[in-house]
Amino acid sequence: MEDNADCLPAPAVRPGRYRDGSKELPVQTIGKVVVVILAIWLVVSLLGFLLKGLFWLGVIGGIAFLVTAALGGTKSLRGKARGRRFDTRV
């Protein structure tokens, strides 16, 4: 059996090296990676801030609903105690 290694084309880039032949990652590529990581961090931070804010708005809304229901219930009970079901005044 013959060795066919001579017939294969040479790889465009040697293993372990970048296109320019160096073994180090170009500075522009590192800068792009840093920018992408910072963008992802910013999006995740804003999303967390918004979700936390929405949570507290929900808590405040729930408390306001309970207070309104309690006040409405006590006013309704006071009206029934007087014998009036509906207020007929305009």
Protein backbone atom coordinates (compact mmCIF):
# COMPACT_ATOMS: atom_id res chain seq x y z
CA MET A 1 0.00 0.00 0.00
CA GLU A 2 1.31 3.40 -0.94
CA ASP A 3 1.31 6.43 1.30
CA ASN A 4 -1.15 8.97 -0.16
CA ALA A 5 0.02 11.82 2.08
CA ASP A 6 1.92 13.33 -0.85
CA CYS A 7 -1.30 13.62 -2.88
CA LEU A 8 -3.28 15.55 -0.27
CA PRO A 9 -3.26 19.36 -0.53
CA ALA A 10 -1.46 21.23 2.20
CA PRO A 11 -3.74 22.77 4.82
CA ALA A 12 -4.34 26.49 4.45
CA VAL A 13 -3.42 27.08 8.08
CA ARG A 14 -0.96 24.98 10.03
CA PRO A 15 -2.48 23.34 13.11
CA GLY A 16 -2.00 25.41 16.24
CA ARG A 17 -1.50 28.66 14.33
CA TYR A 18 -3.74 31.50 13.19
CA ARG A 19 -4.12 32.75 9.62
CA ASP A 20 -1.26 35.20 9.93
CA GLY A 21 1.01 32.37 11.07
CA SER A 22 1.33 33.53 14.67
CA LYS A 23 0.46 31.49 17.71
CA GLU A 24 -1.18 34.42 19.52
CA LEU A 25 -4.75 35.61 19.11
CA PRO A 26 -4.85 39.02 17.35
CA VAL A 27 -5.64 42.02 19.58
CA GLN A 28 -8.65 42.98 17.41
CA THR A 29 -10.23 39.57 18.03
CA ILE A 30 -9.71 39.85 21.78
CA GLY A 31 -11.32 43.31 21.69
CA LYS A 32 -14.34 41.94 19.83
CA VAL A 33 -14.74 39.13 22.36
CA VAL A 34 -14.58 41.62 25.24
CA VAL A 35 -17.20 43.85 23.57
CA VAL A 36 -19.53 40.87 23.03
CA ILE A 37 -19.15 39.77 26.66
CA LEU A 38 -19.84 43.33 27.87
CA ALA A 39 -22.96 43.53 25.66
CA ILE A 40 -24.27 40.23 27.02
CA TRP A 41 -23.56 41.40 30.59
CA LEU A 42 -25.44 44.66 29.97
CA VAL A 43 -28.49 42.87 28.55
CA VAL A 44 -28.61 40.39 31.44
CA SER A 45 -28.18 43.19 34.00
CA LEU A 46 -31.00 45.27 32.50
CA LEU A 47 -33.25 42.23 32.29
CA GLY A 48 -32.63 41.43 35.95
CA PHE A 49 -33.29 45.04 36.95
CA LEU A 50 -36.57 45.12 35.01
CA LEU A 51 -37.78 41.81 36.40
CA LYS A 52 -36.96 42.86 39.96
CA GLY A 53 -38.78 46.15 39.40
CA LEU A 54 -41.81 44.34 37.97
CA PHE A 55 -41.83 42.05 40.99
CA TRP A 56 -42.02 44.98 43.40
CA LEU A 57 -44.70 46.67 41.30
CA GLY A 58 -46.70 43.45 41.57
CA VAL A 59 -46.26 43.41 45.36
CA ILE A 60 -47.39 47.04 45.66
CA GLY A 61 -50.34 46.36 43.34
CA GLY A 62 -51.36 43.34 45.42
CA ILE A 63 -51.23 45.36 48.64
CA ALA A 64 -53.28 48.16 47.04
CA PHE A 65 -55.83 45.58 45.86
CA LEU A 66 -56.17 44.09 49.36
CA VAL A 67 -56.53 47.52 50.98
CA THR A 68 -59.16 48.54 48.42
CA ALA A 69 -61.06 45.28 48.92
CA ALA A 70 -60.95 45.67 52.70
CA LEU A 71 -62.18 49.27 52.57
CA GLY A 72 -64.90 48.36 50.08
CA GLY A 73 -66.01 45.47 52.27
CA THR A 74 -66.27 47.62 55.40
CA LYS A 75 -68.25 50.31 53.59
CA SER A 76 -70.55 47.66 52.17
CA LEU A 77 -71.16 46.22 55.64
CA ARG A 78 -71.91 49.66 57.08
CA GLY A 79 -74.48 50.28 54.35
CA LYS A 80 -76.24 46.97 55.06
CA ALA A 81 -76.31 47.68 58.79
CA ARG A 82 -78.38 50.79 58.13
CA GLY A 83 -80.86 48.83 56.06
CA ARG A 84 -79.88 50.35 52.71
CA ARG A 85 -78.65 48.08 50.00
CA PHE A 86 -77.94 50.71 47.37
CA ASP A 87 -77.43 54.44 47.63
CA THR A 88 -80.27 56.04 45.66
CA ARG A 89 -78.87 59.57 45.86
CA VAL A 90 -77.51 61.05 42.67
